[in-house]
Amino acid sequence: MVGTGKRERIAIRRIDNLAARQVTFSKRRRGLFKKAEELSILCDAEVGLVVFSATGKLFHFASSSMKQVIDRYDSHSKTLQKSEPQSSQLQSHMDDGTCARLKEELAETSLKLR
């Protein structure tokens, strides 16, 4: 049998080998940016994406301009804060470590869903 065309699922965890991690980051970053662009085109969505590599290098994509996307986000966030004071109180109780851990879990779960 030549092959079934199915890819083997890999466990989502940190890649220990530095070179392999950098290659994976580069490939997945390109895929992520392609998906962001497709989402903006197909759905007429305003998309802003910011990624920092492990070395601190910045990569970004914006369907219009990053400043415009960030301004819209800030405006929307302020509106939400006014209508949901409990949310801001909850955020003030969470420390940076908790936020970072939750963001990491969200990213890992998002990758698993793809």
PDB file of N, CA and C in Angstrom:
ATOM      1  N   MET A   1       0.848  -1.173   0.000  1.00  0.00           N
ATOM      2  CA  MET A   1       0.000   0.000   0.000  1.00  0.00           C
ATOM      3  C   MET A   1       0.896   1.240   0.000  1.00  0.00           C
ATOM      4  N   VAL A   2       0.597   2.189  -0.850  1.00  0.00           N
ATOM      5  CA  VAL A   2       1.430   3.368  -1.019  1.00  0.00           C
ATOM      6  C   VAL A   2       1.261   4.348   0.129  1.00  0.00           C
ATOM      7  N   GLY A   3       0.097   4.572   0.592  1.00  0.00           N
ATOM      8  CA  GLY A   3      -0.152   5.520   1.674  1.00  0.00           C
ATOM      9  C   GLY A   3      -1.602   5.910   1.704  1.00  0.00           C
ATOM     10  N   THR A   4      -2.052   6.285   2.849  1.00  0.00           N
ATOM     11  CA  THR A   4      -3.463   6.613   2.999  1.00  0.00           C
ATOM     12  C   THR A   4      -3.724   8.100   2.861  1.00  0.00           C
ATOM     13  N   GLY A   5      -2.663   8.924   2.876  1.00  0.00           N
ATOM     14  CA  GLY A   5      -2.864  10.355   2.760  1.00  0.00           C
ATOM     15  C   GLY A   5      -3.153  11.025   4.081  1.00  0.00           C
ATOM     16  N   LYS A   6      -3.227  10.251   5.142  1.00  0.00           N
ATOM     17  CA  LYS A   6      -3.487  10.829   6.459  1.00  0.00           C
ATOM     18  C   LYS A   6      -2.172  11.133   7.148  1.00  0.00           C
ATOM     19  N   ARG A   7      -2.149  12.240   7.845  1.00  0.00           N
ATOM     20  CA  ARG A   7      -0.963  12.595   8.607  1.00  0.00           C
ATOM     21  C   ARG A   7      -1.106  12.115  10.033  1.00  0.00           C
ATOM     22  N   GLU A   8       0.009  11.756  10.590  1.00  0.00           N
ATOM     23  CA  GLU A   8       0.017  11.327  11.983  1.00  0.00           C
ATOM     24  C   GLU A   8      -0.072  12.563  12.873  1.00  0.00           C
ATOM     25  N   ARG A   9      -0.918  12.495  13.876  1.00  0.00           N
ATOM     26  CA  ARG A   9      -1.046  13.613  14.816  1.00  0.00           C
ATOM     27  C   ARG A   9       0.137  13.581  15.764  1.00  0.00           C
ATOM     28  N   ILE A  10       0.690  14.760  16.005  1.00  0.00           N
ATOM     29  CA  ILE A  10       1.803  14.834  16.942  1.00  0.00           C
ATOM     30  C   ILE A  10       1.309  15.422  18.253  1.00  0.00           C
ATOM     31  N   ALA A  11       1.986  15.060  19.313  1.00  0.00           N
ATOM     32  CA  ALA A  11       1.640  15.615  20.618  1.00  0.00           C
ATOM     33  C   ALA A  11       2.066  17.083  20.633  1.00  0.00           C
ATOM     34  N   ILE A  12       1.201  17.940  21.122  1.00  0.00           N
ATOM     35  CA  ILE A  12       1.517  19.359  21.199  1.00  0.00           C
ATOM     36  C   ILE A  12       2.250  19.613  22.508  1.00  0.00           C
ATOM     37  N   ARG A  13       3.546  19.738  22.374  1.00  0.00           N
ATOM     38  CA  ARG A  13       4.397  20.051  23.517  1.00  0.00           C
ATOM     39  C   ARG A  13       5.638  20.741  22.981  1.00  0.00           C
ATOM     40  N   ARG A  14       6.399  21.344  23.860  1.00  0.00           N
ATOM     41  CA  ARG A  14       7.586  22.092  23.466  1.00  0.00           C
ATOM     42  C   ARG A  14       8.576  21.159  22.776  1.00  0.00           C
ATOM     43  N   ILE A  15       9.144  21.619  21.673  1.00  0.00           N
ATOM     44  CA  ILE A  15      10.150  20.853  20.942  1.00  0.00           C
ATOM     45  C   ILE A  15      11.499  21.130  21.593  1.00  0.00           C
ATOM     46  N   ASP A  16      12.165  20.081  22.045  1.00  0.00           N
ATOM     47  CA  ASP A  16      13.422  20.246  22.777  1.00  0.00           C
ATOM     48  C   ASP A  16      14.588  20.651  21.881  1.00  0.00           C
ATOM     49  N   ASN A  17      14.652  20.104  20.685  1.00  0.00           N
ATOM     50  CA  ASN A  17      15.747  20.400  19.767  1.00  0.00           C
ATOM     51  C   ASN A  17      15.586  21.815  19.213  1.00  0.00           C
ATOM     52  N   LEU A  18      16.584  22.669  19.464  1.00  0.00           N
ATOM     53  CA  LEU A  18      16.495  24.081  19.082  1.00  0.00           C
ATOM     54  C   LEU A  18      16.313  24.268  17.578  1.00  0.00           C
ATOM     55  N   ALA A  19      17.089  23.561  16.774  1.00  0.00           N
ATOM     56  CA  ALA A  19      16.987  23.712  15.320  1.00  0.00           C
ATOM     57  C   ALA A  19      15.611  23.273  14.826  1.00  0.00           C
ATOM     58  N   ALA A  20      15.126  22.148  15.327  1.00  0.00           N
ATOM     59  CA  ALA A  20      13.799  21.661  14.928  1.00  0.00           C
ATOM     60  C   ALA A  20      12.716  22.632  15.378  1.00  0.00           C
ATOM     61  N   ARG A  21      12.889  23.219  16.566  1.00  0.00           N
ATOM     62  CA  ARG A  21      11.917  24.188  17.080  1.00  0.00           C
ATOM     63  C   ARG A  21      11.863  25.422  16.183  1.00  0.00           C
ATOM     64  N   GLN A  22      13.025  25.896  15.739  1.00  0.00           N
ATOM     65  CA  GLN A  22      13.068  27.077  14.873  1.00  0.00           C
ATOM     66  C   GLN A  22      12.436  26.793  13.510  1.00  0.00           C
ATOM     67  N   VAL A  23      12.695  25.616  12.965  1.00  0.00           N
ATOM     68  CA  VAL A  23      12.098  25.235  11.681  1.00  0.00           C
ATOM     69  C   VAL A  23      10.581  25.146  11.821  1.00  0.00           C
ATOM     70  N   THR A  24      10.122  24.511  12.891  1.00  0.00           N
ATOM     71  CA  THR A  24       8.682  24.380  13.132  1.00  0.00           C
ATOM     72  C   THR A  24       8.037  25.746  13.319  1.00  0.00           C
ATOM     73  N   PHE A  25       8.698  26.624  14.075  1.00  0.00           N
ATOM     74  CA  PHE A  25       8.171  27.978  14.278  1.00  0.00           C
ATOM     75  C   PHE A  25       8.009  28.680  12.937  1.00  0.00           C
ATOM     76  N   SER A  26       9.024  28.604  12.099  1.00  0.00           N
ATOM     77  CA  SER A  26       8.984  29.274  10.809  1.00  0.00           C
ATOM     78  C   SER A  26       7.846  28.746   9.936  1.00  0.00           C
ATOM     79  N   LYS A  27       7.712  27.435   9.855  1.00  0.00           N
ATOM     80  CA  LYS A  27       6.659  26.838   9.030  1.00  0.00           C
ATOM     81  C   LYS A  27       5.269  27.152   9.569  1.00  0.00           C
ATOM     82  N   ARG A  28       5.095  26.999  10.869  1.00  0.00           N
ATOM     83  CA  ARG A  28       3.771  27.245  11.456  1.00  0.00           C
ATOM     84  C   ARG A  28       3.411  28.728  11.428  1.00  0.00           C
ATOM     85  N   ARG A  29       4.414  29.587  11.566  1.00  0.00           N
ATOM     86  CA  ARG A  29       4.164  31.029  11.485  1.00  0.00           C
ATOM     87  C   ARG A  29       3.643  31.371  10.098  1.00  0.00           C
ATOM     88  N   ARG A  30       4.291  30.841   9.075  1.00  0.00           N
ATOM     89  CA  ARG A  30       3.820  31.098   7.703  1.00  0.00           C
ATOM     90  C   ARG A  30       2.385  30.614   7.519  1.00  0.00           C
ATOM     91  N   GLY A  31       2.084  29.422   8.050  1.00  0.00           N
ATOM     92  CA  GLY A  31       0.726  28.892   7.948  1.00  0.00           C
ATOM     93  C   GLY A  31      -0.285  29.745   8.690  1.00  0.00           C
ATOM     94  N   LEU A  32       0.104  30.212   9.872  1.00  0.00           N
ATOM     95  CA  LEU A  32      -0.777  31.059  10.673  1.00  0.00           C
ATOM     96  C   LEU A  32      -1.062  32.376   9.956  1.00  0.00           C
ATOM     97  N   PHE A  33      -0.030  32.964   9.370  1.00  0.00           N
ATOM     98  CA  PHE A  33      -0.215  34.228   8.660  1.00  0.00           C
ATOM     99  C   PHE A  33      -1.056  34.026   7.402  1.00  0.00           C
ATOM    100  N   LYS A  34      -0.878  32.888   6.736  1.00  0.00           N
ATOM    101  CA  LYS A  34      -1.693  32.588   5.562  1.00  0.00           C
ATOM    102  C   LYS A  34      -3.162  32.459   5.959  1.00  0.00           C
ATOM    103  N   LYS A  35      -3.430  31.770   7.072  1.00  0.00           N
ATOM    104  CA  LYS A  35      -4.811  31.628   7.557  1.00  0.00           C
ATOM    105  C   LYS A  35      -5.402  32.988   7.920  1.00  0.00           C
ATOM    106  N   ALA A  36      -4.606  33.844   8.547  1.00  0.00           N
ATOM    107  CA  ALA A  36      -5.087  35.178   8.917  1.00  0.00           C
ATOM    108  C   ALA A  36      -5.456  35.975   7.667  1.00  0.00           C
ATOM    109  N   GLU A  37      -4.614  35.892   6.645  1.00  0.00           N
ATOM    110  CA  GLU A  37      -4.897  36.602   5.401  1.00  0.00           C
ATOM    111  C   GLU A  37      -6.150  36.041   4.727  1.00  0.00           C
ATOM    112  N   GLU A  38      -6.272  34.721   4.692  1.00  0.00           N
ATOM    113  CA  GLU A  38      -7.454  34.096   4.088  1.00  0.00           C
ATOM    114  C   GLU A  38      -8.724  34.497   4.827  1.00  0.00           C
ATOM    115  N   LEU A  39      -8.670  34.531   6.151  1.00  0.00           N
ATOM    116  CA  LEU A  39      -9.825  34.930   6.949  1.00  0.00           C
ATOM    117  C   LEU A  39     -10.242  36.357   6.608  1.00  0.00           C
ATOM    118  N   SER A  40      -9.265  37.240   6.473  1.00  0.00           N
ATOM    119  CA  SER A  40      -9.593  38.630   6.163  1.00  0.00           C
ATOM    120  C   SER A  40     -10.206  38.761   4.772  1.00  0.00           C
ATOM    121  N   ILE A  41      -9.710  37.989   3.817  1.00  0.00           N
ATOM    122  CA  ILE A  41     -10.218  38.076   2.444  1.00  0.00           C
ATOM    123  C   ILE A  41     -11.580  37.398   2.312  1.00  0.00           C
ATOM    124  N   LEU A  42     -11.682  36.153   2.761  1.00  0.00           N
ATOM    125  CA  LEU A  42     -12.907  35.381   2.581  1.00  0.00           C
ATOM    126  C   LEU A  42     -14.088  35.944   3.366  1.00  0.00           C
ATOM    127  N   CYS A  43     -13.823  36.436   4.561  1.00  0.00           N
ATOM    128  CA  CYS A  43     -14.907  36.855   5.451  1.00  0.00           C
ATOM    129  C   CYS A  43     -14.980  38.361   5.634  1.00  0.00           C
ATOM    130  N   ASP A  44     -14.155  39.099   4.913  1.00  0.00           N
ATOM    131  CA  ASP A  44     -14.106  40.554   5.032  1.00  0.00           C
ATOM    132  C   ASP A  44     -13.915  40.967   6.491  1.00  0.00           C
ATOM    133  N   ALA A  45     -13.046  40.221   7.180  1.00  0.00           N
ATOM    134  CA  ALA A  45     -12.776  40.484   8.596  1.00  0.00           C
ATOM    135  C   ALA A  45     -11.552  41.377   8.721  1.00  0.00           C
ATOM    136  N   GLU A  46     -11.571  42.216   9.729  1.00  0.00           N
ATOM    137  CA  GLU A  46     -10.395  43.027  10.031  1.00  0.00           C
ATOM    138  C   GLU A  46      -9.534  42.209  10.990  1.00  0.00           C
ATOM    139  N   VAL A  47      -8.345  41.848  10.543  1.00  0.00           N
ATOM    140  CA  VAL A  47      -7.490  40.927  11.288  1.00  0.00           C
ATOM    141  C   VAL A  47      -6.172  41.598  11.636  1.00  0.00           C
ATOM    142  N   GLY A  48      -5.755  41.408  12.876  1.00  0.00           N
ATOM    143  CA  GLY A  48      -4.437  41.842  13.325  1.00  0.00           C
ATOM    144  C   GLY A  48      -3.783  40.697  14.069  1.00  0.00           C
ATOM    145  N   LEU A  49      -2.558  40.376  13.707  1.00  0.00           N
ATOM    146  CA  LEU A  49      -1.856  39.243  14.303  1.00  0.00           C
ATOM    147  C   LEU A  49      -0.447  39.682  14.670  1.00  0.00           C
ATOM    148  N   VAL A  50      -0.055  39.443  15.923  1.00  0.00           N
ATOM    149  CA  VAL A  50       1.280  39.785  16.406  1.00  0.00           C
ATOM    150  C   VAL A  50       1.904  38.528  16.988  1.00  0.00           C
ATOM    151  N   VAL A  51       3.125  38.219  16.558  1.00  0.00           N
ATOM    152  CA  VAL A  51       3.837  37.040  17.045  1.00  0.00           C
ATOM    153  C   VAL A  51       5.263  37.446  17.394  1.00  0.00           C
ATOM    154  N   PHE A  52       5.715  37.030  18.574  1.00  0.00           N
ATOM    155  CA  PHE A  52       7.109  37.208  18.961  1.00  0.00           C
ATOM    156  C   PHE A  52       7.755  35.831  19.003  1.00  0.00           C
ATOM    157  N   SER A  53       8.894  35.695  18.357  1.00  0.00           N
ATOM    158  CA  SER A  53       9.618  34.424  18.390  1.00  0.00           C
ATOM    159  C   SER A  53      10.266  34.252  19.757  1.00  0.00           C
ATOM    160  N   ALA A  54      10.830  33.083  19.988  1.00  0.00           N
ATOM    161  CA  ALA A  54      11.515  32.813  21.253  1.00  0.00           C
ATOM    162  C   ALA A  54      12.711  33.740  21.440  1.00  0.00           C
ATOM    163  N   THR A  55      13.264  34.235  20.334  1.00  0.00           N
ATOM    164  CA  THR A  55      14.400  35.157  20.420  1.00  0.00           C
ATOM    165  C   THR A  55      13.958  36.609  20.533  1.00  0.00           C
ATOM    166  N   GLY A  56      12.647  36.841  20.508  1.00  0.00           N
ATOM    167  CA  GLY A  56      12.123  38.189  20.671  1.00  0.00           C
ATOM    168  C   GLY A  56      11.866  38.926  19.372  1.00  0.00           C
ATOM    169  N   LYS A  57      12.054  38.265  18.237  1.00  0.00           N
ATOM    170  CA  LYS A  57      11.816  38.913  16.952  1.00  0.00           C
ATOM    171  C   LYS A  57      10.311  39.058  16.715  1.00  0.00           C
ATOM    172  N   LEU A  58       9.923  40.232  16.225  1.00  0.00           N
ATOM    173  CA  LEU A  58       8.514  40.558  16.001  1.00  0.00           C
ATOM    174  C   LEU A  58       8.098  40.198  14.580  1.00  0.00           C
ATOM    175  N   PHE A  59       6.936  39.555  14.469  1.00  0.00           N
ATOM    176  CA  PHE A  59       6.291  39.278  13.187  1.00  0.00           C
ATOM    177  C   PHE A  59       4.848  39.747  13.324  1.00  0.00           C
ATOM    178  N   HIS A  60       4.328  40.410  12.297  1.00  0.00           N
ATOM    179  CA  HIS A  60       2.942  40.881  12.398  1.00  0.00           C
ATOM    180  C   HIS A  60       2.257  40.875  11.041  1.00  0.00           C
ATOM    181  N   PHE A  61       0.935  40.801  11.107  1.00  0.00           N
ATOM    182  CA  PHE A  61       0.086  40.874   9.923  1.00  0.00           C
ATOM    183  C   PHE A  61      -1.130  41.703  10.287  1.00  0.00           C
ATOM    184  N   ALA A  62      -1.540  42.553   9.384  1.00  0.00           N
ATOM    185  CA  ALA A  62      -2.782  43.305   9.568  1.00  0.00           C
ATOM    186  C   ALA A  62      -3.475  43.407   8.217  1.00  0.00           C
ATOM    187  N   SER A  63      -4.779  43.185   8.223  1.00  0.00           N
ATOM    188  CA  SER A  63      -5.528  43.236   6.974  1.00  0.00           C
ATOM    189  C   SER A  63      -5.667  44.669   6.468  1.00  0.00           C
ATOM    190  N   SER A  64      -5.668  45.629   7.373  1.00  0.00           N
ATOM    191  CA  SER A  64      -5.682  47.037   6.970  1.00  0.00           C
ATOM    192  C   SER A  64      -4.357  47.630   7.439  1.00  0.00           C
ATOM    193  N   SER A  65      -4.368  48.260   8.597  1.00  0.00           N
ATOM    194  CA  SER A  65      -3.117  48.702   9.214  1.00  0.00           C
ATOM    195  C   SER A  65      -3.150  48.263  10.672  1.00  0.00           C
ATOM    196  N   MET A  66      -1.990  47.930  11.202  1.00  0.00           N
ATOM    197  CA  MET A  66      -1.931  47.459  12.584  1.00  0.00           C
ATOM    198  C   MET A  66      -2.452  48.534  13.530  1.00  0.00           C
ATOM    199  N   LYS A  67      -2.120  49.794  13.264  1.00  0.00           N
ATOM    200  CA  LYS A  67      -2.596  50.883  14.128  1.00  0.00           C
ATOM    201  C   LYS A  67      -4.121  50.932  14.128  1.00  0.00           C
ATOM    202  N   GLN A  68      -4.716  50.775  12.965  1.00  0.00           N
ATOM    203  CA  GLN A  68      -6.176  50.802  12.855  1.00  0.00           C
ATOM    204  C   GLN A  68      -6.800  49.633  13.625  1.00  0.00           C
ATOM    205  N   VAL A  69      -6.213  48.459  13.511  1.00  0.00           N
ATOM    206  CA  VAL A  69      -6.730  47.281  14.219  1.00  0.00           C
ATOM    207  C   VAL A  69      -6.601  47.475  15.727  1.00  0.00           C
ATOM    208  N   ILE A  70      -5.453  47.971  16.184  1.00  0.00           N
ATOM    209  CA  ILE A  70      -5.231  48.186  17.618  1.00  0.00           C
ATOM    210  C   ILE A  70      -6.160  49.266  18.152  1.00  0.00           C
ATOM    211  N   ASP A  71      -6.341  50.346  17.388  1.00  0.00           N
ATOM    212  CA  ASP A  71      -7.271  51.399  17.817  1.00  0.00           C
ATOM    213  C   ASP A  71      -8.688  50.850  17.954  1.00  0.00           C
ATOM    214  N   ARG A  72      -9.085  50.020  17.007  1.00  0.00           N
ATOM    215  CA  ARG A  72     -10.424  49.419  17.070  1.00  0.00           C
ATOM    216  C   ARG A  72     -10.540  48.488  18.272  1.00  0.00           C
ATOM    217  N   TYR A  73      -9.485  47.722  18.534  1.00  0.00           N
ATOM    218  CA  TYR A  73      -9.461  46.831  19.699  1.00  0.00           C
ATOM    219  C   TYR A  73      -9.571  47.643  20.989  1.00  0.00           C
ATOM    220  N   ASP A  74      -8.782  48.710  21.095  1.00  0.00           N
ATOM    221  CA  ASP A  74      -8.830  49.555  22.295  1.00  0.00           C
ATOM    222  C   ASP A  74     -10.225  50.133  22.503  1.00  0.00           C
ATOM    223  N   SER A  75     -10.819  50.624  21.428  1.00  0.00           N
ATOM    224  CA  SER A  75     -12.161  51.196  21.512  1.00  0.00           C
ATOM    225  C   SER A  75     -13.174  50.148  21.965  1.00  0.00           C
ATOM    226  N   HIS A  76     -13.080  48.962  21.396  1.00  0.00           N
ATOM    227  CA  HIS A  76     -13.997  47.874  21.752  1.00  0.00           C
ATOM    228  C   HIS A  76     -13.779  47.433  23.199  1.00  0.00           C
ATOM    229  N   SER A  77     -12.524  47.354  23.615  1.00  0.00           N
ATOM    230  CA  SER A  77     -12.208  46.933  24.985  1.00  0.00           C
ATOM    231  C   SER A  77     -12.773  47.913  26.006  1.00  0.00           C
ATOM    232  N   LYS A  78     -12.650  49.198  25.710  1.00  0.00           N
ATOM    233  CA  LYS A  78     -13.168  50.212  26.638  1.00  0.00           C
ATOM    234  C   LYS A  78     -14.682  50.113  26.751  1.00  0.00           C
ATOM    235  N   THR A  79     -15.346  49.835  25.635  1.00  0.00           N
ATOM    236  CA  THR A  79     -16.799  49.668  25.652  1.00  0.00           C
ATOM    237  C   THR A  79     -17.181  48.462  26.499  1.00  0.00           C
ATOM    238  N   LEU A  80     -16.437  47.366  26.347  1.00  0.00           N
ATOM    239  CA  LEU A  80     -16.718  46.163  27.133  1.00  0.00           C
ATOM    240  C   LEU A  80     -16.466  46.391  28.618  1.00  0.00           C
ATOM    241  N   GLN A  81     -15.422  47.125  28.950  1.00  0.00           N
ATOM    242  CA  GLN A  81     -15.104  47.379  30.355  1.00  0.00           C
ATOM    243  C   GLN A  81     -16.209  48.180  31.032  1.00  0.00           C
ATOM    244  N   LYS A  82     -16.804  49.096  30.302  1.00  0.00           N
ATOM    245  CA  LYS A  82     -17.888  49.895  30.872  1.00  0.00           C
ATOM    246  C   LYS A  82     -19.123  49.036  31.127  1.00  0.00           C
ATOM    247  N   SER A  83     -19.382  48.082  30.224  1.00  0.00           N
ATOM    248  CA  SER A  83     -20.586  47.265  30.356  1.00  0.00           C
ATOM    249  C   SER A  83     -20.384  46.033  31.226  1.00  0.00           C
ATOM    250  N   GLU A  84     -19.130  45.640  31.467  1.00  0.00           N
ATOM    251  CA  GLU A  84     -18.851  44.451  32.266  1.00  0.00           C
ATOM    252  C   GLU A  84     -17.798  44.745  33.330  1.00  0.00           C
ATOM    253  N   PRO A  85     -18.180  45.422  34.414  1.00  0.00           N
ATOM    254  CA  PRO A  85     -17.186  45.736  35.444  1.00  0.00           C
ATOM    255  C   PRO A  85     -16.640  44.498  36.153  1.00  0.00           C
ATOM    256  N   GLN A  86     -17.405  43.407  36.196  1.00  0.00           N
ATOM    257  CA  GLN A  86     -16.925  42.195  36.856  1.00  0.00           C
ATOM    258  C   GLN A  86     -15.698  41.640  36.140  1.00  0.00           C
ATOM    259  N   SER A  87     -15.671  41.764  34.831  1.00  0.00           N
ATOM    260  CA  SER A  87     -14.552  41.248  34.057  1.00  0.00           C
ATOM    261  C   SER A  87     -13.258  41.948  34.437  1.00  0.00           C
ATOM    262  N   SER A  88     -13.294  43.264  34.584  1.00  0.00           N
ATOM    263  CA  SER A  88     -12.076  43.985  34.950  1.00  0.00           C
ATOM    264  C   SER A  88     -11.665  43.663  36.379  1.00  0.00           C
ATOM    265  N   GLN A  89     -12.643  43.418  37.261  1.00  0.00           N
ATOM    266  CA  GLN A  89     -12.309  43.031  38.631  1.00  0.00           C
ATOM    267  C   GLN A  89     -11.630  41.670  38.644  1.00  0.00           C
ATOM    268  N   LEU A  90     -12.101  40.755  37.819  1.00  0.00           N
ATOM    269  CA  LEU A  90     -11.492  39.437  37.730  1.00  0.00           C
ATOM    270  C   LEU A  90     -10.063  39.549  37.208  1.00  0.00           C
ATOM    271  N   GLN A  91      -9.865  40.381  36.204  1.00  0.00           N
ATOM    272  CA  GLN A  91      -8.528  40.558  35.652  1.00  0.00           C
ATOM    273  C   GLN A  91      -7.573  41.132  36.683  1.00  0.00           C
ATOM    274  N   SER A  92      -8.045  42.024  37.535  1.00  0.00           N
ATOM    275  CA  SER A  92      -7.157  42.620  38.529  1.00  0.00           C
ATOM    276  C   SER A  92      -6.720  41.597  39.568  1.00  0.00           C
ATOM    277  N   HIS A  93      -7.492  40.535  39.765  1.00  0.00           N
ATOM    278  CA  HIS A  93      -7.134  39.495  40.728  1.00  0.00           C
ATOM    279  C   HIS A  93      -6.178  38.459  40.143  1.00  0.00           C
ATOM    280  N   MET A  94      -6.103  38.401  38.828  1.00  0.00           N
ATOM    281  CA  MET A  94      -5.219  37.424  38.197  1.00  0.00           C
ATOM    282  C   MET A  94      -3.828  38.022  38.060  1.00  0.00           C
ATOM    283  N   ASP A  95      -2.810  37.271  38.456  1.00  0.00           N
ATOM    284  CA  ASP A  95      -1.452  37.763  38.291  1.00  0.00           C
ATOM    285  C   ASP A  95      -0.960  37.460  36.879  1.00  0.00           C
ATOM    286  N   ASP A  96       0.195  38.014  36.511  1.00  0.00           N
ATOM    287  CA  ASP A  96       0.732  37.843  35.164  1.00  0.00           C
ATOM    288  C   ASP A  96       1.009  36.380  34.843  1.00  0.00           C
ATOM    289  N   GLY A  97       1.444  35.612  35.827  1.00  0.00           N
ATOM    290  CA  GLY A  97       1.723  34.194  35.604  1.00  0.00           C
ATOM    291  C   GLY A  97       0.478  33.431  35.210  1.00  0.00           C
ATOM    292  N   THR A  98      -0.630  33.733  35.866  1.00  0.00           N
ATOM    293  CA  THR A  98      -1.893  33.072  35.545  1.00  0.00           C
ATOM    294  C   THR A  98      -2.332  33.436  34.132  1.00  0.00           C
ATOM    295  N   CYS A  99      -2.228  34.713  33.786  1.00  0.00           N
ATOM    296  CA  CYS A  99      -2.604  35.147  32.434  1.00  0.00           C
ATOM    297  C   CYS A  99      -1.741  34.458  31.388  1.00  0.00           C
ATOM    298  N   ALA A 100      -0.440  34.408  31.635  1.00  0.00           N
ATOM    299  CA  ALA A 100       0.467  33.772  30.677  1.00  0.00           C
ATOM    300  C   ALA A 100       0.135  32.291  30.519  1.00  0.00           C
ATOM    301  N   ARG A 101      -0.148  31.616  31.625  1.00  0.00           N
ATOM    302  CA  ARG A 101      -0.476  30.188  31.575  1.00  0.00           C
ATOM    303  C   ARG A 101      -1.773  29.969  30.797  1.00  0.00           C
ATOM    304  N   LEU A 102      -2.774  30.817  31.048  1.00  0.00           N
ATOM    305  CA  LEU A 102      -4.050  30.674  30.347  1.00  0.00           C
ATOM    306  C   LEU A 102      -3.894  30.946  28.852  1.00  0.00           C
ATOM    307  N   LYS A 103      -3.085  31.948  28.504  1.00  0.00           N
ATOM    308  CA  LYS A 103      -2.848  32.239  27.094  1.00  0.00           C
ATOM    309  C   LYS A 103      -2.151  31.067  26.414  1.00  0.00           C
ATOM    310  N   GLU A 104      -1.198  30.460  27.112  1.00  0.00           N
ATOM    311  CA  GLU A 104      -0.487  29.307  26.560  1.00  0.00           C
ATOM    312  C   GLU A 104      -1.441  28.133  26.357  1.00  0.00           C
ATOM    313  N   GLU A 105      -2.314  27.894  27.338  1.00  0.00           N
ATOM    314  CA  GLU A 105      -3.291  26.811  27.210  1.00  0.00           C
ATOM    315  C   GLU A 105      -4.228  27.062  26.036  1.00  0.00           C
ATOM    316  N   LEU A 106      -4.637  28.318  25.866  1.00  0.00           N
ATOM    317  CA  LEU A 106      -5.510  28.674  24.751  1.00  0.00           C
ATOM    318  C   LEU A 106      -4.811  28.413  23.423  1.00  0.00           C
ATOM    319  N   ALA A 107      -3.552  28.806  23.323  1.00  0.00           N
ATOM    320  CA  ALA A 107      -2.799  28.587  22.089  1.00  0.00           C
ATOM    321  C   ALA A 107      -2.651  27.099  21.797  1.00  0.00           C
ATOM    322  N   GLU A 108      -2.336  26.309  22.823  1.00  0.00           N
ATOM    323  CA  GLU A 108      -2.183  24.867  22.632  1.00  0.00           C
ATOM    324  C   GLU A 108      -3.498  24.227  22.201  1.00  0.00           C
ATOM    325  N   THR A 109      -4.591  24.631  22.827  1.00  0.00           N
ATOM    326  CA  THR A 109      -5.897  24.078  22.476  1.00  0.00           C
ATOM    327  C   THR A 109      -6.276  24.463  21.053  1.00  0.00           C
ATOM    328  N   SER A 110      -5.987  25.705  20.671  1.00  0.00           N
ATOM    329  CA  SER A 110      -6.278  26.144  19.307  1.00  0.00           C
ATOM    330  C   SER A 110      -5.515  25.312  18.292  1.00  0.00           C
ATOM    331  N   LEU A 111      -4.248  25.019  18.599  1.00  0.00           N
ATOM    332  CA  LEU A 111      -3.453  24.196  17.684  1.00  0.00           C
ATOM    333  C   LEU A 111      -4.010  22.787  17.574  1.00  0.00           C
ATOM    334  N   LYS A 112      -4.498  22.235  18.679  1.00  0.00           N
ATOM    335  CA  LYS A 112      -5.058  20.886  18.660  1.00  0.00           C
ATOM    336  C   LYS A 112      -6.308  20.814  17.793  1.00  0.00           C
ATOM    337  N   LEU A 113      -7.052  21.906  17.736  1.00  0.00           N
ATOM    338  CA  LEU A 113      -8.301  21.925  16.984  1.00  0.00           C
ATOM    339  C   LEU A 113      -8.076  22.008  15.478  1.00  0.00           C
ATOM    340  N   ARG A 114      -6.867  22.301  15.061  1.00  0.00           N
ATOM    341  CA  ARG A 114      -6.600  22.438  13.621  1.00  0.00           C
ATOM    342  C   ARG A 114      -6.277  21.145  12.995  1.00  0.00           C
TER     343      ARG A 114
END
